[in-house]
Amino acid sequence: MAVPEKLTQTLDLLGSVPDRTERIQLLIDIAGRFEEVPPRLAQRPFPEEAQVPACESEAYVFPEPRPDGTLDFHFAVENPQGISAKAMAVILDDTLSGAPLEQVAEVPTDIVYKVFGRELSMGKSMGLMGMVGMVANLAKKRVEGTA
């Protein structure tokens, strides 16, 4: 099963920026578009079950059903310095919200390396992969009717 087209396009765009400094600036710009989860969905203190495991930036994921059966994905990032987590949240929201759930459920966690490269610390990589995995798992549960 293919990943959602918007995600493929975003990964291709990031891959077309080979200069590390330019890619970092692009990701900082993306992180600047981060919008926290709307208060109608969640408020502090956020529920433990929404917290991304192993994420150093204390990220949370909140799915919101759409009328068409797909999901919108909203995020909270508690670390104000969590630029990578915020950039990943924007990318996941932009590319996976409203996408077919069967495709979202198949998104591999290693897209983190396609977005950020391999220079990230182990801890940061694990947290970002945790964000991707949590979104995919939420979609999978919805498809299976267990969410």
N, C-alpha and C. Protein backbone atom coordinates (compact mmCIF):
# COMPACT_ATOMS: atom_id res chain seq x y z
N MET A 1 0.85 -1.18 0.00
CA MET A 1 0.00 0.00 0.00
C MET A 1 0.90 1.24 0.00
N ALA A 2 0.55 2.19 -0.82
CA ALA A 2 1.34 3.41 -0.93
C ALA A 2 1.02 4.37 0.22
N VAL A 3 1.99 5.20 0.56
CA VAL A 3 1.73 6.24 1.55
C VAL A 3 0.95 7.35 0.87
N PRO A 4 0.27 8.19 1.64
CA PRO A 4 -0.52 9.27 1.02
C PRO A 4 0.31 10.15 0.10
N GLU A 5 -0.29 10.55 -1.00
CA GLU A 5 0.38 11.33 -2.04
C GLU A 5 1.00 12.62 -1.49
N LYS A 6 0.28 13.31 -0.61
CA LYS A 6 0.82 14.56 -0.06
C LYS A 6 2.10 14.32 0.73
N LEU A 7 2.19 13.19 1.42
CA LEU A 7 3.41 12.86 2.16
C LEU A 7 4.54 12.59 1.18
N THR A 8 4.27 11.84 0.13
CA THR A 8 5.29 11.55 -0.89
C THR A 8 5.81 12.86 -1.49
N GLN A 9 4.92 13.77 -1.79
CA GLN A 9 5.33 15.06 -2.37
C GLN A 9 6.21 15.85 -1.40
N THR A 10 5.85 15.85 -0.13
CA THR A 10 6.63 16.58 0.87
C THR A 10 8.01 15.95 1.04
N LEU A 11 8.06 14.62 1.08
CA LEU A 11 9.34 13.93 1.19
C LEU A 11 10.22 14.20 -0.03
N ASP A 12 9.60 14.23 -1.20
CA ASP A 12 10.34 14.55 -2.43
C ASP A 12 10.89 15.98 -2.38
N LEU A 13 10.07 16.91 -1.90
CA LEU A 13 10.50 18.30 -1.79
C LEU A 13 11.69 18.41 -0.85
N LEU A 14 11.60 17.79 0.32
CA LEU A 14 12.70 17.84 1.27
C LEU A 14 13.95 17.16 0.71
N GLY A 15 13.75 16.08 -0.02
CA GLY A 15 14.87 15.37 -0.63
C GLY A 15 15.56 16.17 -1.72
N SER A 16 14.84 17.14 -2.28
CA SER A 16 15.42 17.96 -3.34
C SER A 16 16.27 19.11 -2.78
N VAL A 17 16.38 19.17 -1.45
CA VAL A 17 17.20 20.20 -0.80
C VAL A 17 18.42 19.50 -0.20
N PRO A 18 19.46 19.29 -1.00
CA PRO A 18 20.60 18.52 -0.51
C PRO A 18 21.48 19.29 0.48
N ASP A 19 21.45 20.62 0.43
CA ASP A 19 22.27 21.41 1.33
C ASP A 19 21.71 21.34 2.74
N ARG A 20 22.51 20.85 3.68
CA ARG A 20 22.05 20.63 5.05
C ARG A 20 21.55 21.93 5.70
N THR A 21 22.26 23.02 5.50
CA THR A 21 21.88 24.31 6.09
C THR A 21 20.53 24.77 5.54
N GLU A 22 20.33 24.63 4.24
CA GLU A 22 19.06 25.02 3.63
C GLU A 22 17.91 24.14 4.15
N ARG A 23 18.18 22.84 4.28
CA ARG A 23 17.14 21.92 4.78
C ARG A 23 16.78 22.28 6.22
N ILE A 24 17.76 22.57 7.04
CA ILE A 24 17.50 22.96 8.43
C ILE A 24 16.64 24.22 8.46
N GLN A 25 16.97 25.20 7.63
CA GLN A 25 16.19 26.43 7.60
C GLN A 25 14.76 26.16 7.14
N LEU A 26 14.60 25.30 6.16
CA LEU A 26 13.26 24.93 5.69
C LEU A 26 12.46 24.28 6.82
N LEU A 27 13.10 23.38 7.56
CA LEU A 27 12.41 22.71 8.68
C LEU A 27 12.08 23.68 9.81
N ILE A 28 12.94 24.66 10.05
CA ILE A 28 12.64 25.69 11.05
C ILE A 28 11.44 26.50 10.59
N ASP A 29 11.40 26.84 9.30
CA ASP A 29 10.25 27.57 8.75
C ASP A 29 8.96 26.75 8.90
N ILE A 30 9.05 25.46 8.62
CA ILE A 30 7.89 24.57 8.77
C ILE A 30 7.44 24.56 10.23
N ALA A 31 8.39 24.43 11.16
CA ALA A 31 8.07 24.41 12.59
C ALA A 31 7.38 25.70 13.02
N GLY A 32 7.72 26.81 12.37
CA GLY A 32 7.10 28.09 12.68
C GLY A 32 5.61 28.13 12.38
N ARG A 33 5.12 27.17 11.59
CA ARG A 33 3.69 27.09 11.28
C ARG A 33 2.92 26.23 12.29
N PHE A 34 3.62 25.70 13.30
CA PHE A 34 2.99 24.82 14.28
C PHE A 34 1.86 25.53 15.01
N GLU A 35 0.72 24.83 15.09
CA GLU A 35 -0.42 25.30 15.87
C GLU A 35 -0.79 24.21 16.85
N GLU A 36 -0.86 24.59 18.12
CA GLU A 36 -1.16 23.61 19.15
C GLU A 36 -2.59 23.08 19.04
N VAL A 37 -2.79 21.90 19.58
CA VAL A 37 -4.11 21.26 19.59
C VAL A 37 -5.16 22.26 20.07
N PRO A 38 -6.30 22.34 19.38
CA PRO A 38 -7.34 23.27 19.81
C PRO A 38 -7.88 22.88 21.20
N PRO A 39 -8.19 23.87 22.04
CA PRO A 39 -8.70 23.59 23.39
C PRO A 39 -9.98 22.75 23.39
N ARG A 40 -10.74 22.78 22.29
CA ARG A 40 -11.97 21.97 22.24
C ARG A 40 -11.66 20.48 22.24
N LEU A 41 -10.41 20.11 21.84
CA LEU A 41 -10.01 18.70 21.81
C LEU A 41 -9.25 18.26 23.04
N ALA A 42 -8.41 19.14 23.56
CA ALA A 42 -7.60 18.75 24.72
C ALA A 42 -7.04 19.98 25.41
N GLN A 43 -6.92 19.86 26.72
CA GLN A 43 -6.33 20.93 27.52
C GLN A 43 -5.36 20.33 28.53
N ARG A 44 -4.42 21.15 28.97
CA ARG A 44 -3.45 20.72 29.97
C ARG A 44 -4.15 20.45 31.29
N PRO A 45 -3.71 19.48 32.03
CA PRO A 45 -2.67 18.51 31.68
C PRO A 45 -3.22 17.50 30.66
N PHE A 46 -2.44 17.24 29.62
CA PHE A 46 -2.88 16.35 28.56
C PHE A 46 -2.90 14.91 29.06
N PRO A 47 -3.83 14.11 28.53
CA PRO A 47 -3.94 12.71 28.98
C PRO A 47 -2.71 11.89 28.60
N GLU A 48 -2.31 11.03 29.51
CA GLU A 48 -1.12 10.20 29.30
C GLU A 48 -1.22 9.34 28.05
N GLU A 49 -2.42 8.85 27.74
CA GLU A 49 -2.56 7.96 26.58
C GLU A 49 -2.31 8.69 25.25
N ALA A 50 -2.32 10.02 25.26
CA ALA A 50 -2.05 10.79 24.05
C ALA A 50 -0.58 11.14 23.91
N GLN A 51 0.23 10.84 24.93
CA GLN A 51 1.65 11.20 24.90
C GLN A 51 2.44 10.23 24.04
N VAL A 52 3.32 10.80 23.23
CA VAL A 52 4.18 10.01 22.37
C VAL A 52 5.28 9.37 23.22
N PRO A 53 5.39 8.04 23.20
CA PRO A 53 6.45 7.40 23.96
C PRO A 53 7.83 7.80 23.45
N ALA A 54 8.75 7.96 24.37
CA ALA A 54 10.16 8.22 24.06
C ALA A 54 10.43 9.59 23.44
N CYS A 55 9.46 10.49 23.46
CA CYS A 55 9.68 11.80 22.84
C CYS A 55 10.24 12.77 23.86
N GLU A 56 11.45 13.26 23.60
CA GLU A 56 12.11 14.20 24.50
C GLU A 56 11.37 15.53 24.60
N SER A 57 10.59 15.88 23.59
CA SER A 57 9.87 17.15 23.58
C SER A 57 8.48 17.06 24.18
N GLU A 58 8.15 15.90 24.75
CA GLU A 58 6.83 15.68 25.34
C GLU A 58 5.72 16.04 24.35
N ALA A 59 5.71 15.33 23.23
CA ALA A 59 4.68 15.54 22.22
C ALA A 59 3.46 14.67 22.52
N TYR A 60 2.32 15.18 22.11
CA TYR A 60 1.04 14.49 22.27
C TYR A 60 0.33 14.51 20.92
N VAL A 61 -0.45 13.46 20.64
CA VAL A 61 -1.19 13.36 19.39
C VAL A 61 -2.67 13.19 19.71
N PHE A 62 -3.50 13.97 19.01
CA PHE A 62 -4.95 13.92 19.22
C PHE A 62 -5.65 13.77 17.87
N PRO A 63 -6.30 12.63 17.63
CA PRO A 63 -7.04 12.45 16.38
C PRO A 63 -8.42 13.10 16.50
N GLU A 64 -8.88 13.64 15.39
CA GLU A 64 -10.24 14.21 15.34
C GLU A 64 -10.94 13.65 14.11
N PRO A 65 -12.03 12.92 14.31
CA PRO A 65 -12.74 12.34 13.16
C PRO A 65 -13.33 13.41 12.24
N ARG A 66 -13.24 13.15 10.96
CA ARG A 66 -13.89 13.98 9.95
C ARG A 66 -15.18 13.29 9.53
N PRO A 67 -16.13 14.05 8.97
CA PRO A 67 -17.38 13.43 8.52
C PRO A 67 -17.18 12.32 7.49
N ASP A 68 -16.09 12.39 6.70
CA ASP A 68 -15.86 11.37 5.67
C ASP A 68 -15.19 10.10 6.22
N GLY A 69 -14.96 10.06 7.54
CA GLY A 69 -14.37 8.87 8.15
C GLY A 69 -12.86 8.93 8.31
N THR A 70 -12.23 9.93 7.69
CA THR A 70 -10.79 10.09 7.88
C THR A 70 -10.54 10.84 9.20
N LEU A 71 -9.29 11.12 9.47
CA LEU A 71 -8.93 11.81 10.72
C LEU A 71 -8.11 13.05 10.43
N ASP A 72 -8.29 14.05 11.29
CA ASP A 72 -7.35 15.16 11.36
C ASP A 72 -6.45 14.85 12.54
N PHE A 73 -5.18 15.21 12.42
CA PHE A 73 -4.23 14.96 13.50
C PHE A 73 -3.76 16.29 14.08
N HIS A 74 -3.93 16.41 15.39
CA HIS A 74 -3.52 17.62 16.11
C HIS A 74 -2.45 17.22 17.11
N PHE A 75 -1.60 18.19 17.43
CA PHE A 75 -0.45 17.89 18.28
C PHE A 75 -0.27 18.96 19.35
N ALA A 76 0.36 18.55 20.43
CA ALA A 76 0.89 19.47 21.43
C ALA A 76 2.35 19.09 21.60
N VAL A 77 3.19 20.10 21.74
CA VAL A 77 4.62 19.89 21.99
C VAL A 77 4.96 20.75 23.20
N GLU A 78 5.22 20.10 24.31
CA GLU A 78 5.42 20.82 25.57
C GLU A 78 6.77 21.51 25.67
N ASN A 79 7.78 21.03 24.98
CA ASN A 79 9.09 21.65 25.03
C ASN A 79 9.11 22.83 24.07
N PRO A 80 9.25 24.06 24.58
CA PRO A 80 9.26 25.22 23.68
C PRO A 80 10.44 25.19 22.70
N GLN A 81 11.48 24.43 23.01
CA GLN A 81 12.64 24.29 22.12
C GLN A 81 12.48 23.11 21.17
N GLY A 82 11.33 22.45 21.17
CA GLY A 82 11.11 21.24 20.38
C GLY A 82 10.85 21.53 18.91
N ILE A 83 11.81 22.16 18.25
CA ILE A 83 11.66 22.55 16.85
C ILE A 83 11.43 21.34 15.94
N SER A 84 12.20 20.28 16.16
CA SER A 84 12.05 19.09 15.32
C SER A 84 10.67 18.47 15.50
N ALA A 85 10.21 18.38 16.73
CA ALA A 85 8.88 17.81 17.00
C ALA A 85 7.79 18.68 16.39
N LYS A 86 7.97 19.98 16.47
CA LYS A 86 6.97 20.89 15.88
C LYS A 86 6.97 20.76 14.35
N ALA A 87 8.15 20.66 13.75
CA ALA A 87 8.22 20.49 12.30
C ALA A 87 7.56 19.18 11.89
N MET A 88 7.84 18.11 12.64
CA MET A 88 7.23 16.81 12.32
C MET A 88 5.72 16.88 12.48
N ALA A 89 5.25 17.56 13.51
CA ALA A 89 3.81 17.70 13.72
C ALA A 89 3.15 18.40 12.54
N VAL A 90 3.76 19.47 12.06
CA VAL A 90 3.20 20.21 10.91
C VAL A 90 3.18 19.31 9.67
N ILE A 91 4.29 18.60 9.44
CA ILE A 91 4.36 17.72 8.27
C ILE A 91 3.29 16.62 8.36
N LEU A 92 3.16 16.00 9.52
CA LEU A 92 2.17 14.92 9.67
C LEU A 92 0.75 15.46 9.51
N ASP A 93 0.47 16.62 10.09
CA ASP A 93 -0.87 17.21 9.95
C ASP A 93 -1.13 17.57 8.49
N ASP A 94 -0.18 18.27 7.86
CA ASP A 94 -0.37 18.71 6.47
C ASP A 94 -0.57 17.56 5.50
N THR A 95 0.14 16.45 5.74
CA THR A 95 0.16 15.39 4.74
C THR A 95 -0.73 14.19 5.05
N LEU A 96 -1.09 14.01 6.33
CA LEU A 96 -1.87 12.82 6.69
C LEU A 96 -3.30 13.13 7.14
N SER A 97 -3.56 14.34 7.59
CA SER A 97 -4.94 14.69 7.95
C SER A 97 -5.82 14.61 6.71
N GLY A 98 -6.90 13.85 6.80
CA GLY A 98 -7.82 13.69 5.68
C GLY A 98 -7.41 12.65 4.67
N ALA A 99 -6.26 12.01 4.87
CA ALA A 99 -5.80 10.98 3.93
C ALA A 99 -6.50 9.65 4.25
N PRO A 100 -6.55 8.74 3.26
CA PRO A 100 -7.17 7.44 3.51
C PRO A 100 -6.48 6.74 4.69
N LEU A 101 -7.27 6.30 5.64
CA LEU A 101 -6.72 5.71 6.86
C LEU A 101 -5.87 4.47 6.59
N GLU A 102 -6.24 3.70 5.58
CA GLU A 102 -5.45 2.51 5.25
C GLU A 102 -4.03 2.91 4.85
N GLN A 103 -3.89 4.05 4.17
CA GLN A 103 -2.56 4.53 3.79
C GLN A 103 -1.82 5.11 4.99
N VAL A 104 -2.51 5.88 5.82
CA VAL A 104 -1.87 6.46 7.01
C VAL A 104 -1.35 5.34 7.91
N ALA A 105 -2.11 4.27 8.03
CA ALA A 105 -1.72 3.15 8.89
C ALA A 105 -0.43 2.48 8.41
N GLU A 106 -0.09 2.66 7.14
CA GLU A 106 1.10 2.01 6.56
C GLU A 106 2.32 2.92 6.50
N VAL A 107 2.21 4.15 6.99
CA VAL A 107 3.35 5.06 6.93
C VAL A 107 4.48 4.52 7.81
N PRO A 108 5.66 4.30 7.23
CA PRO A 108 6.77 3.76 8.02
C PRO A 108 7.42 4.83 8.89
N THR A 109 7.86 4.43 10.06
CA THR A 109 8.47 5.40 10.98
C THR A 109 9.79 5.95 10.45
N ASP A 110 10.44 5.25 9.55
CA ASP A 110 11.73 5.73 9.06
C ASP A 110 11.63 6.92 8.11
N ILE A 111 10.42 7.42 7.88
CA ILE A 111 10.32 8.67 7.11
C ILE A 111 11.02 9.80 7.86
N VAL A 112 11.23 9.61 9.16
CA VAL A 112 11.95 10.61 9.96
C VAL A 112 13.31 10.89 9.33
N TYR A 113 13.98 9.86 8.83
CA TYR A 113 15.30 10.04 8.22
C TYR A 113 15.20 10.76 6.88
N LYS A 114 14.10 10.56 6.17
CA LYS A 114 13.90 11.27 4.90
C LYS A 114 13.63 12.75 5.15
N VAL A 115 13.04 13.06 6.30
CA VAL A 115 12.75 14.45 6.64
C VAL A 115 13.98 15.14 7.21
N PHE A 116 14.62 14.52 8.18
CA PHE A 116 15.68 15.18 8.95
C PHE A 116 17.09 14.72 8.61
N GLY A 117 17.22 13.65 7.83
CA GLY A 117 18.55 13.10 7.59
C GLY A 117 18.93 12.17 8.74
N ARG A 118 20.16 11.72 8.72
CA ARG A 118 20.61 10.75 9.73
C ARG A 118 21.46 11.39 10.82
N GLU A 119 21.52 12.71 10.86
CA GLU A 119 22.36 13.39 11.83
C GLU A 119 21.73 13.56 13.20
N LEU A 120 20.47 13.18 13.35
CA LEU A 120 19.78 13.36 14.63
C LEU A 120 20.32 12.42 15.69
N SER A 121 20.22 12.85 16.95
CA SER A 121 20.60 11.98 18.05
C SER A 121 19.64 10.80 18.11
N MET A 122 20.07 9.74 18.77
CA MET A 122 19.23 8.54 18.91
C MET A 122 17.92 8.90 19.62
N GLY A 123 18.02 9.69 20.70
CA GLY A 123 16.83 10.06 21.46
C GLY A 123 15.83 10.85 20.63
N LYS A 124 16.33 11.82 19.88
CA LYS A 124 15.46 12.64 19.04
C LYS A 124 14.82 11.79 17.94
N SER A 125 15.62 10.92 17.33
CA SER A 125 15.09 10.04 16.29
C SER A 125 13.97 9.16 16.84
N MET A 126 14.20 8.60 18.03
CA MET A 126 13.20 7.71 18.63
C MET A 126 11.90 8.47 18.89
N GLY A 127 11.99 9.68 19.40
CA GLY A 127 10.79 10.47 19.67
C GLY A 127 10.02 10.82 18.41
N LEU A 128 10.74 11.23 17.38
CA LEU A 128 10.08 11.59 16.12
C LEU A 128 9.46 10.36 15.45
N MET A 129 10.18 9.23 15.52
CA MET A 129 9.59 7.99 14.99
C MET A 129 8.37 7.59 15.82
N GLY A 130 8.41 7.89 17.11
CA GLY A 130 7.25 7.63 17.97
C GLY A 130 6.04 8.44 17.53
N MET A 131 6.26 9.68 17.10
CA MET A 131 5.15 10.51 16.61
C MET A 131 4.53 9.87 15.38
N VAL A 132 5.37 9.47 14.43
CA VAL A 132 4.88 8.85 13.19
C VAL A 132 4.15 7.55 13.52
N GLY A 133 4.76 6.74 14.37
CA GLY A 133 4.16 5.47 14.75
C GLY A 133 2.82 5.63 15.44
N MET A 134 2.70 6.65 16.28
CA MET A 134 1.45 6.87 16.99
C MET A 134 0.33 7.27 16.03
N VAL A 135 0.66 8.14 15.08
CA VAL A 135 -0.33 8.54 14.07
C VAL A 135 -0.77 7.33 13.25
N ALA A 136 0.20 6.52 12.81
CA ALA A 136 -0.12 5.32 12.02
C ALA A 136 -0.97 4.36 12.85
N ASN A 137 -0.65 4.21 14.12
CA ASN A 137 -1.41 3.30 14.99
C ASN A 137 -2.83 3.80 15.22
N LEU A 138 -3.00 5.10 15.39
CA LEU A 138 -4.36 5.66 15.55
C LEU A 138 -5.20 5.38 14.30
N ALA A 139 -4.59 5.53 13.12
CA ALA A 139 -5.30 5.24 11.87
C ALA A 139 -5.64 3.75 11.78
N LYS A 140 -4.68 2.91 12.15
CA LYS A 140 -4.88 1.47 12.09
C LYS A 140 -6.04 1.05 13.01
N LYS A 141 -6.07 1.57 14.20
CA LYS A 141 -7.15 1.25 15.14
C LYS A 141 -8.50 1.69 14.59
N ARG A 142 -8.52 2.82 13.94
CA ARG A 142 -9.77 3.32 13.36
C ARG A 142 -10.24 2.39 12.24
N VAL A 143 -9.30 1.96 11.39
CA VAL A 143 -9.62 1.04 10.29
C VAL A 143 -10.18 -0.27 10.86
N GLU A 144 -9.54 -0.77 11.92
CA GLU A 144 -9.95 -2.03 12.53
C GLU A 144 -11.21 -1.90 13.38
N GLY A 145 -11.65 -0.65 13.60
CA GLY A 145 -12.84 -0.43 14.43
C GLY A 145 -12.59 -0.59 15.91
N THR A 146 -11.32 -0.45 16.33
CA THR A 146 -11.01 -0.60 17.75
C THR A 146 -10.74 0.75 18.42
N ALA A 147 -10.99 1.85 17.71
CA ALA A 147 -10.78 3.18 18.30
C ALA A 147 -12.08 3.94 18.38
